[in-house]
Amino acid sequence: MSAADGFFARWWINQRANVAMLLKRGETAIACYRELLALDPGDEAARSTLGNLLMEKGDAAGATAEFERLVQINPANAEAWFNLGFVYEQRDMLAQPSRRSAAPWN
């Protein structure tokens, strides 16, 4: 696949995801964002949106995995840390000792 083909493939999948979200078709949007991440695992916007969609769906474990991966990709991403903290709070995971060492400043 050429660079141009890859760009247009990602663009088209992103458009499908946006339409699915507008139409409140969460499962379709989730599938699209997973498809985007298969093409580009470092796509922070896609990973963040996927994490939020999973949280809305009630899949806190899936959302946690996405946000944890996002802060590994970019530890300076404040939105990712906020979302990860929110998911931890919802899952009552803040008190777990293994989570305390996840922050880059420890």
PDB file of N, CA and C in Angstrom:
ATOM      1  N   MET A   1       0.857  -1.183   0.000  1.00  0.00           N
ATOM      2  CA  MET A   1       0.000   0.000   0.000  1.00  0.00           C
ATOM      3  C   MET A   1       0.896   1.237   0.000  1.00  0.00           C
ATOM      4  N   SER A   2       0.658   2.131  -0.920  1.00  0.00           N
ATOM      5  CA  SER A   2       1.439   3.360  -0.977  1.00  0.00           C
ATOM      6  C   SER A   2       1.035   4.294   0.160  1.00  0.00           C
ATOM      7  N   ALA A   3       1.847   5.304   0.375  1.00  0.00           N
ATOM      8  CA  ALA A   3       1.537   6.277   1.423  1.00  0.00           C
ATOM      9  C   ALA A   3       0.202   6.964   1.150  1.00  0.00           C
ATOM     10  N   ALA A   4      -0.047   7.282  -0.116  1.00  0.00           N
ATOM     11  CA  ALA A   4      -1.320   7.930  -0.469  1.00  0.00           C
ATOM     12  C   ALA A   4      -2.491   6.990  -0.227  1.00  0.00           C
ATOM     13  N   ASP A   5      -2.325   5.719  -0.581  1.00  0.00           N
ATOM     14  CA  ASP A   5      -3.389   4.747  -0.338  1.00  0.00           C
ATOM     15  C   ASP A   5      -3.675   4.622   1.155  1.00  0.00           C
ATOM     16  N   GLY A   6      -2.602   4.571   1.945  1.00  0.00           N
ATOM     17  CA  GLY A   6      -2.762   4.476   3.397  1.00  0.00           C
ATOM     18  C   GLY A   6      -3.479   5.687   3.966  1.00  0.00           C
ATOM     19  N   PHE A   7      -3.112   6.866   3.469  1.00  0.00           N
ATOM     20  CA  PHE A   7      -3.772   8.092   3.930  1.00  0.00           C
ATOM     21  C   PHE A   7      -5.261   8.050   3.623  1.00  0.00           C
ATOM     22  N   PHE A   8      -5.598   7.696   2.392  1.00  0.00           N
ATOM     23  CA  PHE A   8      -7.014   7.691   2.008  1.00  0.00           C
ATOM     24  C   PHE A   8      -7.792   6.578   2.694  1.00  0.00           C
ATOM     25  N   ALA A   9      -7.140   5.464   2.936  1.00  0.00           N
ATOM     26  CA  ALA A   9      -7.803   4.382   3.678  1.00  0.00           C
ATOM     27  C   ALA A   9      -8.142   4.848   5.091  1.00  0.00           C
ATOM     28  N   ARG A  10      -7.179   5.475   5.757  1.00  0.00           N
ATOM     29  CA  ARG A  10      -7.424   5.988   7.123  1.00  0.00           C
ATOM     30  C   ARG A  10      -8.486   7.084   7.104  1.00  0.00           C
ATOM     31  N   TRP A  11      -8.423   7.958   6.091  1.00  0.00           N
ATOM     32  CA  TRP A  11      -9.411   9.031   5.981  1.00  0.00           C
ATOM     33  C   TRP A  11     -10.814   8.450   5.826  1.00  0.00           C
ATOM     34  N   TRP A  12     -10.958   7.455   4.943  1.00  0.00           N
ATOM     35  CA  TRP A  12     -12.265   6.865   4.691  1.00  0.00           C
ATOM     36  C   TRP A  12     -12.813   6.169   5.944  1.00  0.00           C
ATOM     37  N   ILE A  13     -11.973   5.434   6.642  1.00  0.00           N
ATOM     38  CA  ILE A  13     -12.408   4.755   7.871  1.00  0.00           C
ATOM     39  C   ILE A  13     -12.814   5.782   8.916  1.00  0.00           C
ATOM     40  N   ASN A  14     -12.047   6.864   8.996  1.00  0.00           N
ATOM     41  CA  ASN A  14     -12.377   7.919   9.958  1.00  0.00           C
ATOM     42  C   ASN A  14     -13.725   8.556   9.626  1.00  0.00           C
ATOM     43  N   GLN A  15     -13.999   8.760   8.343  1.00  0.00           N
ATOM     44  CA  GLN A  15     -15.300   9.318   7.941  1.00  0.00           C
ATOM     45  C   GLN A  15     -16.437   8.375   8.321  1.00  0.00           C
ATOM     46  N   ARG A  16     -16.231   7.078   8.084  1.00  0.00           N
ATOM     47  CA  ARG A  16     -17.247   6.091   8.477  1.00  0.00           C
ATOM     48  C   ARG A  16     -17.480   6.118   9.982  1.00  0.00           C
ATOM     49  N   ALA A  17     -16.408   6.252  10.754  1.00  0.00           N
ATOM     50  CA  ALA A  17     -16.529   6.312  12.218  1.00  0.00           C
ATOM     51  C   ALA A  17     -17.314   7.545  12.646  1.00  0.00           C
ATOM     52  N   ASN A  18     -17.017   8.678  12.023  1.00  0.00           N
ATOM     53  CA  ASN A  18     -17.725   9.918  12.364  1.00  0.00           C
ATOM     54  C   ASN A  18     -19.217   9.813  12.070  1.00  0.00           C
ATOM     55  N   VAL A  19     -19.560   9.259  10.919  1.00  0.00           N
ATOM     56  CA  VAL A  19     -20.974   9.089  10.563  1.00  0.00           C
ATOM     57  C   VAL A  19     -21.646   8.124  11.537  1.00  0.00           C
ATOM     58  N   ALA A  20     -20.960   7.038  11.879  1.00  0.00           N
ATOM     59  CA  ALA A  20     -21.525   6.077  12.826  1.00  0.00           C
ATOM     60  C   ALA A  20     -21.809   6.739  14.177  1.00  0.00           C
ATOM     61  N   MET A  21     -20.898   7.600  14.614  1.00  0.00           N
ATOM     62  CA  MET A  21     -21.125   8.294  15.894  1.00  0.00           C
ATOM     63  C   MET A  21     -22.304   9.252  15.783  1.00  0.00           C
ATOM     64  N   LEU A  22     -22.414   9.968  14.666  1.00  0.00           N
ATOM     65  CA  LEU A  22     -23.541  10.878  14.478  1.00  0.00           C
ATOM     66  C   LEU A  22     -24.870  10.140  14.483  1.00  0.00           C
ATOM     67  N   LEU A  23     -24.863   8.919  13.947  1.00  0.00           N
ATOM     68  CA  LEU A  23     -26.082   8.117  13.878  1.00  0.00           C
ATOM     69  C   LEU A  23     -26.299   7.269  15.135  1.00  0.00           C
ATOM     70  N   LYS A  24     -25.443   7.487  16.141  1.00  0.00           N
ATOM     71  CA  LYS A  24     -25.541   6.753  17.418  1.00  0.00           C
ATOM     72  C   LYS A  24     -25.376   5.249  17.224  1.00  0.00           C
ATOM     73  N   ARG A  25     -24.504   4.881  16.315  1.00  0.00           N
ATOM     74  CA  ARG A  25     -24.195   3.463  16.078  1.00  0.00           C
ATOM     75  C   ARG A  25     -22.822   3.177  16.678  1.00  0.00           C
ATOM     76  N   GLY A  26     -22.820   3.045  17.990  1.00  0.00           N
ATOM     77  CA  GLY A  26     -21.577   2.891  18.731  1.00  0.00           C
ATOM     78  C   GLY A  26     -20.757   1.684  18.339  1.00  0.00           C
ATOM     79  N   GLU A  27     -21.396   0.558  18.126  1.00  0.00           N
ATOM     80  CA  GLU A  27     -20.658  -0.656  17.757  1.00  0.00           C
ATOM     81  C   GLU A  27     -19.938  -0.486  16.421  1.00  0.00           C
ATOM     82  N   THR A  28     -20.594   0.170  15.471  1.00  0.00           N
ATOM     83  CA  THR A  28     -19.965   0.413  14.173  1.00  0.00           C
ATOM     84  C   THR A  28     -18.786   1.367  14.326  1.00  0.00           C
ATOM     85  N   ALA A  29     -18.967   2.418  15.129  1.00  0.00           N
ATOM     86  CA  ALA A  29     -17.878   3.370  15.366  1.00  0.00           C
ATOM     87  C   ALA A  29     -16.700   2.680  16.043  1.00  0.00           C
ATOM     88  N   ILE A  30     -16.986   1.838  17.026  1.00  0.00           N
ATOM     89  CA  ILE A  30     -15.919   1.094  17.713  1.00  0.00           C
ATOM     90  C   ILE A  30     -15.151   0.234  16.719  1.00  0.00           C
ATOM     91  N   ALA A  31     -15.873  -0.456  15.851  1.00  0.00           N
ATOM     92  CA  ALA A  31     -15.215  -1.296  14.841  1.00  0.00           C
ATOM     93  C   ALA A  31     -14.336  -0.455  13.921  1.00  0.00           C
ATOM     94  N   CYS A  32     -14.820   0.717  13.544  1.00  0.00           N
ATOM     95  CA  CYS A  32     -14.030   1.603  12.673  1.00  0.00           C
ATOM     96  C   CYS A  32     -12.758   2.067  13.368  1.00  0.00           C
ATOM     97  N   TYR A  33     -12.864   2.460  14.637  1.00  0.00           N
ATOM     98  CA  TYR A  33     -11.668   2.929  15.348  1.00  0.00           C
ATOM     99  C   TYR A  33     -10.683   1.792  15.570  1.00  0.00           C
ATOM    100  N   ARG A  34     -11.172   0.588  15.776  1.00  0.00           N
ATOM    101  CA  ARG A  34     -10.256  -0.558  15.880  1.00  0.00           C
ATOM    102  C   ARG A  34      -9.560  -0.807  14.548  1.00  0.00           C
ATOM    103  N   GLU A  35     -10.288  -0.613  13.465  1.00  0.00           N
ATOM    104  CA  GLU A  35      -9.704  -0.759  12.133  1.00  0.00           C
ATOM    105  C   GLU A  35      -8.628   0.307  11.906  1.00  0.00           C
ATOM    106  N   LEU A  36      -8.899   1.532  12.319  1.00  0.00           N
ATOM    107  CA  LEU A  36      -7.902   2.601  12.211  1.00  0.00           C
ATOM    108  C   LEU A  36      -6.652   2.265  12.999  1.00  0.00           C
ATOM    109  N   LEU A  37      -6.840   1.741  14.215  1.00  0.00           N
ATOM    110  CA  LEU A  37      -5.690   1.424  15.057  1.00  0.00           C
ATOM    111  C   LEU A  37      -4.903   0.234  14.517  1.00  0.00           C
ATOM    112  N   ALA A  38      -5.554  -0.647  13.780  1.00  0.00           N
ATOM    113  CA  ALA A  38      -4.824  -1.737  13.133  1.00  0.00           C
ATOM    114  C   ALA A  38      -3.888  -1.187  12.063  1.00  0.00           C
ATOM    115  N   LEU A  39      -4.301  -0.107  11.403  1.00  0.00           N
ATOM    116  CA  LEU A  39      -3.465   0.533  10.379  1.00  0.00           C
ATOM    117  C   LEU A  39      -2.393   1.420  10.994  1.00  0.00           C
ATOM    118  N   ASP A  40      -2.726   2.070  12.109  1.00  0.00           N
ATOM    119  CA  ASP A  40      -1.797   3.005  12.759  1.00  0.00           C
ATOM    120  C   ASP A  40      -1.983   2.933  14.270  1.00  0.00           C
ATOM    121  N   PRO A  41      -1.263   2.025  14.956  1.00  0.00           N
ATOM    122  CA  PRO A  41      -1.433   1.859  16.409  1.00  0.00           C
ATOM    123  C   PRO A  41      -1.086   3.102  17.228  1.00  0.00           C
ATOM    124  N   GLY A  42      -0.349   4.033  16.633  1.00  0.00           N
ATOM    125  CA  GLY A  42       0.035   5.245  17.348  1.00  0.00           C
ATOM    126  C   GLY A  42      -0.932   6.404  17.175  1.00  0.00           C
ATOM    127  N   ASP A  43      -2.064   6.185  16.551  1.00  0.00           N
ATOM    128  CA  ASP A  43      -3.054   7.245  16.326  1.00  0.00           C
ATOM    129  C   ASP A  43      -3.728   7.602  17.649  1.00  0.00           C
ATOM    130  N   GLU A  44      -3.250   8.662  18.262  1.00  0.00           N
ATOM    131  CA  GLU A  44      -3.736   9.049  19.590  1.00  0.00           C
ATOM    132  C   GLU A  44      -5.209   9.442  19.584  1.00  0.00           C
ATOM    133  N   ALA A  45      -5.630  10.161  18.562  1.00  0.00           N
ATOM    134  CA  ALA A  45      -7.031  10.596  18.510  1.00  0.00           C
ATOM    135  C   ALA A  45      -7.970   9.398  18.399  1.00  0.00           C
ATOM    136  N   ALA A  46      -7.610   8.443  17.552  1.00  0.00           N
ATOM    137  CA  ALA A  46      -8.447   7.249  17.389  1.00  0.00           C
ATOM    138  C   ALA A  46      -8.493   6.436  18.676  1.00  0.00           C
ATOM    139  N   ARG A  47      -7.354   6.299  19.345  1.00  0.00           N
ATOM    140  CA  ARG A  47      -7.297   5.513  20.576  1.00  0.00           C
ATOM    141  C   ARG A  47      -8.098   6.199  21.684  1.00  0.00           C
ATOM    142  N   SER A  48      -8.004   7.507  21.767  1.00  0.00           N
ATOM    143  CA  SER A  48      -8.756   8.248  22.781  1.00  0.00           C
ATOM    144  C   SER A  48     -10.259   8.129  22.539  1.00  0.00           C
ATOM    145  N   THR A  49     -10.660   8.304  21.288  1.00  0.00           N
ATOM    146  CA  THR A  49     -12.083   8.201  20.964  1.00  0.00           C
ATOM    147  C   THR A  49     -12.586   6.784  21.214  1.00  0.00           C
ATOM    148  N   LEU A  50     -11.790   5.789  20.863  1.00  0.00           N
ATOM    149  CA  LEU A  50     -12.180   4.406  21.126  1.00  0.00           C
ATOM    150  C   LEU A  50     -12.360   4.180  22.620  1.00  0.00           C
ATOM    151  N   GLY A  51     -11.430   4.681  23.423  1.00  0.00           N
ATOM    152  CA  GLY A  51     -11.553   4.541  24.877  1.00  0.00           C
ATOM    153  C   GLY A  51     -12.830   5.177  25.400  1.00  0.00           C
ATOM    154  N   ASN A  52     -13.154   6.353  24.895  1.00  0.00           N
ATOM    155  CA  ASN A  52     -14.385   7.030  25.324  1.00  0.00           C
ATOM    156  C   ASN A  52     -15.631   6.259  24.886  1.00  0.00           C
ATOM    157  N   LEU A  53     -15.618   5.740  23.673  1.00  0.00           N
ATOM    158  CA  LEU A  53     -16.767   4.957  23.198  1.00  0.00           C
ATOM    159  C   LEU A  53     -16.941   3.682  24.020  1.00  0.00           C
ATOM    160  N   LEU A  54     -15.836   3.039  24.355  1.00  0.00           N
ATOM    161  CA  LEU A  54     -15.923   1.831  25.176  1.00  0.00           C
ATOM    162  C   LEU A  54     -16.476   2.150  26.567  1.00  0.00           C
ATOM    163  N   MET A  55     -16.062   3.284  27.114  1.00  0.00           N
ATOM    164  CA  MET A  55     -16.576   3.680  28.431  1.00  0.00           C
ATOM    165  C   MET A  55     -18.070   3.954  28.355  1.00  0.00           C
ATOM    166  N   GLU A  56     -18.509   4.644  27.305  1.00  0.00           N
ATOM    167  CA  GLU A  56     -19.942   4.910  27.129  1.00  0.00           C
ATOM    168  C   GLU A  56     -20.732   3.618  26.998  1.00  0.00           C
ATOM    169  N   LYS A  57     -20.129   2.635  26.355  1.00  0.00           N
ATOM    170  CA  LYS A  57     -20.780   1.341  26.155  1.00  0.00           C
ATOM    171  C   LYS A  57     -20.846   0.528  27.455  1.00  0.00           C
ATOM    172  N   GLY A  58     -20.027   0.902  28.436  1.00  0.00           N
ATOM    173  CA  GLY A  58     -19.988   0.162  29.689  1.00  0.00           C
ATOM    174  C   GLY A  58     -18.838  -0.818  29.770  1.00  0.00           C
ATOM    175  N   ASP A  59     -17.931  -0.766  28.804  1.00  0.00           N
ATOM    176  CA  ASP A  59     -16.763  -1.644  28.793  1.00  0.00           C
ATOM    177  C   ASP A  59     -15.588  -0.921  29.446  1.00  0.00           C
ATOM    178  N   ALA A  60     -15.638  -0.828  30.780  1.00  0.00           N
ATOM    179  CA  ALA A  60     -14.599  -0.101  31.506  1.00  0.00           C
ATOM    180  C   ALA A  60     -13.240  -0.776  31.369  1.00  0.00           C
ATOM    181  N   ALA A  61     -13.208  -2.089  31.303  1.00  0.00           N
ATOM    182  CA  ALA A  61     -11.935  -2.798  31.149  1.00  0.00           C
ATOM    183  C   ALA A  61     -11.307  -2.479  29.794  1.00  0.00           C
ATOM    184  N   GLY A  62     -12.115  -2.456  28.750  1.00  0.00           N
ATOM    185  CA  GLY A  62     -11.608  -2.103  27.427  1.00  0.00           C
ATOM    186  C   GLY A  62     -11.129  -0.667  27.373  1.00  0.00           C
ATOM    187  N   ALA A  63     -11.886   0.235  27.999  1.00  0.00           N
ATOM    188  CA  ALA A  63     -11.495   1.645  28.044  1.00  0.00           C
ATOM    189  C   ALA A  63     -10.187   1.812  28.804  1.00  0.00           C
ATOM    190  N   THR A  64     -10.056   1.091  29.912  1.00  0.00           N
ATOM    191  CA  THR A  64      -8.824   1.155  30.701  1.00  0.00           C
ATOM    192  C   THR A  64      -7.630   0.750  29.847  1.00  0.00           C
ATOM    193  N   ALA A  65      -7.763  -0.329  29.109  1.00  0.00           N
ATOM    194  CA  ALA A  65      -6.658  -0.796  28.266  1.00  0.00           C
ATOM    195  C   ALA A  65      -6.275   0.243  27.223  1.00  0.00           C
ATOM    196  N   GLU A  66      -7.282   0.887  26.625  1.00  0.00           N
ATOM    197  CA  GLU A  66      -6.983   1.903  25.607  1.00  0.00           C
ATOM    198  C   GLU A  66      -6.287   3.113  26.209  1.00  0.00           C
ATOM    199  N   PHE A  67      -6.773   3.583  27.343  1.00  0.00           N
ATOM    200  CA  PHE A  67      -6.149   4.762  27.958  1.00  0.00           C
ATOM    201  C   PHE A  67      -4.766   4.442  28.523  1.00  0.00           C
ATOM    202  N   GLU A  68      -4.583   3.237  29.043  1.00  0.00           N
ATOM    203  CA  GLU A  68      -3.249   2.848  29.513  1.00  0.00           C
ATOM    204  C   GLU A  68      -2.263   2.817  28.347  1.00  0.00           C
ATOM    205  N   ARG A  69      -2.699   2.294  27.215  1.00  0.00           N
ATOM    206  CA  ARG A  69      -1.835   2.267  26.034  1.00  0.00           C
ATOM    207  C   ARG A  69      -1.551   3.682  25.541  1.00  0.00           C
ATOM    208  N   LEU A  70      -2.548   4.539  25.637  1.00  0.00           N
ATOM    209  CA  LEU A  70      -2.391   5.925  25.192  1.00  0.00           C
ATOM    210  C   LEU A  70      -1.350   6.668  26.027  1.00  0.00           C
ATOM    211  N   VAL A  71      -1.351   6.475  27.332  1.00  0.00           N
ATOM    212  CA  VAL A  71      -0.342   7.166  28.153  1.00  0.00           C
ATOM    213  C   VAL A  71       1.041   6.549  27.967  1.00  0.00           C
ATOM    214  N   GLN A  72       1.104   5.291  27.526  1.00  0.00           N
ATOM    215  CA  GLN A  72       2.407   4.711  27.170  1.00  0.00           C
ATOM    216  C   GLN A  72       2.924   5.339  25.880  1.00  0.00           C
ATOM    217  N   ILE A  73       2.029   5.548  24.928  1.00  0.00           N
ATOM    218  CA  ILE A  73       2.418   6.154  23.649  1.00  0.00           C
ATOM    219  C   ILE A  73       2.886   7.589  23.858  1.00  0.00           C
ATOM    220  N   ASN A  74       2.133   8.347  24.658  1.00  0.00           N
ATOM    221  CA  ASN A  74       2.455   9.757  24.883  1.00  0.00           C
ATOM    222  C   ASN A  74       2.204  10.117  26.347  1.00  0.00           C
ATOM    223  N   PRO A  75       3.226  10.002  27.194  1.00  0.00           N
ATOM    224  CA  PRO A  75       3.050  10.312  28.616  1.00  0.00           C
ATOM    225  C   PRO A  75       2.692  11.777  28.891  1.00  0.00           C
ATOM    226  N   ALA A  76       2.877  12.654  27.915  1.00  0.00           N
ATOM    227  CA  ALA A  76       2.546  14.069  28.102  1.00  0.00           C
ATOM    228  C   ALA A  76       1.095  14.378  27.738  1.00  0.00           C
ATOM    229  N   ASN A  77       0.323  13.385  27.357  1.00  0.00           N
ATOM    230  CA  ASN A  77      -1.062  13.592  26.937  1.00  0.00           C
ATOM    231  C   ASN A  77      -1.947  13.729  28.178  1.00  0.00           C
ATOM    232  N   ALA A  78      -2.225  14.964  28.555  1.00  0.00           N
ATOM    233  CA  ALA A  78      -2.999  15.239  29.779  1.00  0.00           C
ATOM    234  C   ALA A  78      -4.420  14.686  29.695  1.00  0.00           C
ATOM    235  N   GLU A  79      -5.030  14.761  28.528  1.00  0.00           N
ATOM    236  CA  GLU A  79      -6.390  14.248  28.360  1.00  0.00           C
ATOM    237  C   GLU A  79      -6.427  12.737  28.620  1.00  0.00           C
ATOM    238  N   ALA A  80      -5.395  12.042  28.147  1.00  0.00           N
ATOM    239  CA  ALA A  80      -5.330  10.593  28.364  1.00  0.00           C
ATOM    240  C   ALA A  80      -5.208  10.272  29.851  1.00  0.00           C
ATOM    241  N   TRP A  81      -4.380  11.036  30.571  1.00  0.00           N
ATOM    242  CA  TRP A  81      -4.241  10.819  32.017  1.00  0.00           C
ATOM    243  C   TRP A  81      -5.557  11.104  32.734  1.00  0.00           C
ATOM    244  N   PHE A  82      -6.236  12.165  32.327  1.00  0.00           N
ATOM    245  CA  PHE A  82      -7.528  12.497  32.936  1.00  0.00           C
ATOM    246  C   PHE A  82      -8.517  11.355  32.708  1.00  0.00           C
ATOM    247  N   ASN A  83      -8.621  10.902  31.460  1.00  0.00           N
ATOM    248  CA  ASN A  83      -9.554   9.821  31.143  1.00  0.00           C
ATOM    249  C   ASN A  83      -9.188   8.533  31.871  1.00  0.00           C
ATOM    250  N   LEU A  84      -7.901   8.246  31.971  1.00  0.00           N
ATOM    251  CA  LEU A  84      -7.470   7.055  32.689  1.00  0.00           C
ATOM    252  C   LEU A  84      -7.831   7.162  34.170  1.00  0.00           C
ATOM    253  N   GLY A  85      -7.628   8.334  34.750  1.00  0.00           N
ATOM    254  CA  GLY A  85      -8.025   8.537  36.150  1.00  0.00           C
ATOM    255  C   GLY A  85      -9.516   8.382  36.346  1.00  0.00           C
ATOM    256  N   PHE A  86     -10.293   8.902  35.403  1.00  0.00           N
ATOM    257  CA  PHE A  86     -11.748   8.774  35.487  1.00  0.00           C
ATOM    258  C   PHE A  86     -12.165   7.304  35.441  1.00  0.00           C
ATOM    259  N   VAL A  87     -11.567   6.544  34.516  1.00  0.00           N
ATOM    260  CA  VAL A  87     -11.906   5.123  34.406  1.00  0.00           C
ATOM    261  C   VAL A  87     -11.478   4.380  35.668  1.00  0.00           C
ATOM    262  N   TYR A  88     -10.293   4.694  36.182  1.00  0.00           N
ATOM    263  CA  TYR A  88      -9.855   4.058  37.431  1.00  0.00           C
ATOM    264  C   TYR A  88     -10.842   4.359  38.558  1.00  0.00           C
ATOM    265  N   GLU A  89     -11.278   5.611  38.628  1.00  0.00           N
ATOM    266  CA  GLU A  89     -12.236   5.988  39.674  1.00  0.00           C
ATOM    267  C   GLU A  89     -13.538   5.204  39.509  1.00  0.00           C
ATOM    268  N   GLN A  90     -14.022   5.093  38.283  1.00  0.00           N
ATOM    269  CA  GLN A  90     -15.255   4.353  38.035  1.00  0.00           C
ATOM    270  C   GLN A  90     -15.107   2.874  38.379  1.00  0.00           C
ATOM    271  N   ARG A  91     -13.925   2.348  38.199  1.00  0.00           N
ATOM    272  CA  ARG A  91     -13.678   0.929  38.481  1.00  0.00           C
ATOM    273  C   ARG A  91     -13.157   0.731  39.898  1.00  0.00           C
ATOM    274  N   ASP A  92     -13.060   1.802  40.683  1.00  0.00           N
ATOM    275  CA  ASP A  92     -12.560   1.747  42.058  1.00  0.00           C
ATOM    276  C   ASP A  92     -11.151   1.154  42.094  1.00  0.00           C
ATOM    277  N   MET A  93     -10.315   1.617  41.165  1.00  0.00           N
ATOM    278  CA  MET A  93      -8.959   1.098  41.051  1.00  0.00           C
ATOM    279  C   MET A  93      -7.900   2.064  41.581  1.00  0.00           C
ATOM    280  N   LEU A  94      -8.304   3.226  42.069  1.00  0.00           N
ATOM    281  CA  LEU A  94      -7.320   4.223  42.478  1.00  0.00           C
ATOM    282  C   LEU A  94      -6.480   3.767  43.665  1.00  0.00           C
ATOM    283  N   ALA A  95      -7.040   2.955  44.527  1.00  0.00           N
ATOM    284  CA  ALA A  95      -6.335   2.543  45.732  1.00  0.00           C
ATOM    285  C   ALA A  95      -5.391   1.365  45.511  1.00  0.00           C
ATOM    286  N   GLN A  96      -5.403   0.767  44.336  1.00  0.00           N
ATOM    287  CA  GLN A  96      -4.568  -0.394  44.091  1.00  0.00           C
ATOM    288  C   GLN A  96      -3.105   0.011  43.986  1.00  0.00           C
ATOM    289  N   PRO A  97      -2.239  -0.595  44.796  1.00  0.00           N
ATOM    290  CA  PRO A  97      -0.815  -0.217  44.805  1.00  0.00           C
ATOM    291  C   PRO A  97      -0.144  -0.350  43.445  1.00  0.00           C
ATOM    292  N   SER A  98      -0.526  -1.307  42.638  1.00  0.00           N
ATOM    293  CA  SER A  98       0.128  -1.486  41.344  1.00  0.00           C
ATOM    294  C   SER A  98      -0.109  -0.296  40.423  1.00  0.00           C
ATOM    295  N   ARG A  99      -1.140   0.463  40.647  1.00  0.00           N
ATOM    296  CA  ARG A  99      -1.456   1.608  39.790  1.00  0.00           C
ATOM    297  C   ARG A  99      -0.659   2.848  40.195  1.00  0.00           C
ATOM    298  N   ARG A 100      -0.178   2.897  41.418  1.00  0.00           N
ATOM    299  CA  ARG A 100       0.536   4.087  41.867  1.00  0.00           C
ATOM    300  C   ARG A 100       1.831   4.311  41.096  1.00  0.00           C
ATOM    301  N   SER A 101       2.461   3.251  40.651  1.00  0.00           N
ATOM    302  CA  SER A 101       3.740   3.394  39.962  1.00  0.00           C
ATOM    303  C   SER A 101       3.588   3.666  38.469  1.00  0.00           C
ATOM    304  N   ALA A 102       2.352   3.765  37.978  1.00  0.00           N
ATOM    305  CA  ALA A 102       2.143   3.970  36.550  1.00  0.00           C
ATOM    306  C   ALA A 102       2.489   5.381  36.099  1.00  0.00           C
ATOM    307  N   ALA A 103       2.426   6.340  36.990  1.00  0.00           N
ATOM    308  CA  ALA A 103       2.709   7.722  36.623  1.00  0.00           C
ATOM    309  C   ALA A 103       4.186   7.899  36.329  1.00  0.00           C
ATOM    310  N   PRO A 104       4.535   8.666  35.302  1.00  0.00           N
ATOM    311  CA  PRO A 104       5.945   8.813  34.910  1.00  0.00           C
ATOM    312  C   PRO A 104       6.789   9.558  35.925  1.00  0.00           C
ATOM    313  N   TRP A 105       6.180  10.291  36.841  1.00  0.00           N
ATOM    314  CA  TRP A 105       6.965  11.056  37.806  1.00  0.00           C
ATOM    315  C   TRP A 105       7.342  10.234  39.033  1.00  0.00           C
ATOM    316  N   ASN A 106       6.875   8.995  39.142  1.00  0.00           N
ATOM    317  CA  ASN A 106       7.253   8.128  40.277  1.00  0.00           C
ATOM    318  C   ASN A 106       8.553   7.421  40.001  1.00  0.00           C
TER     319      ASN A 106
END
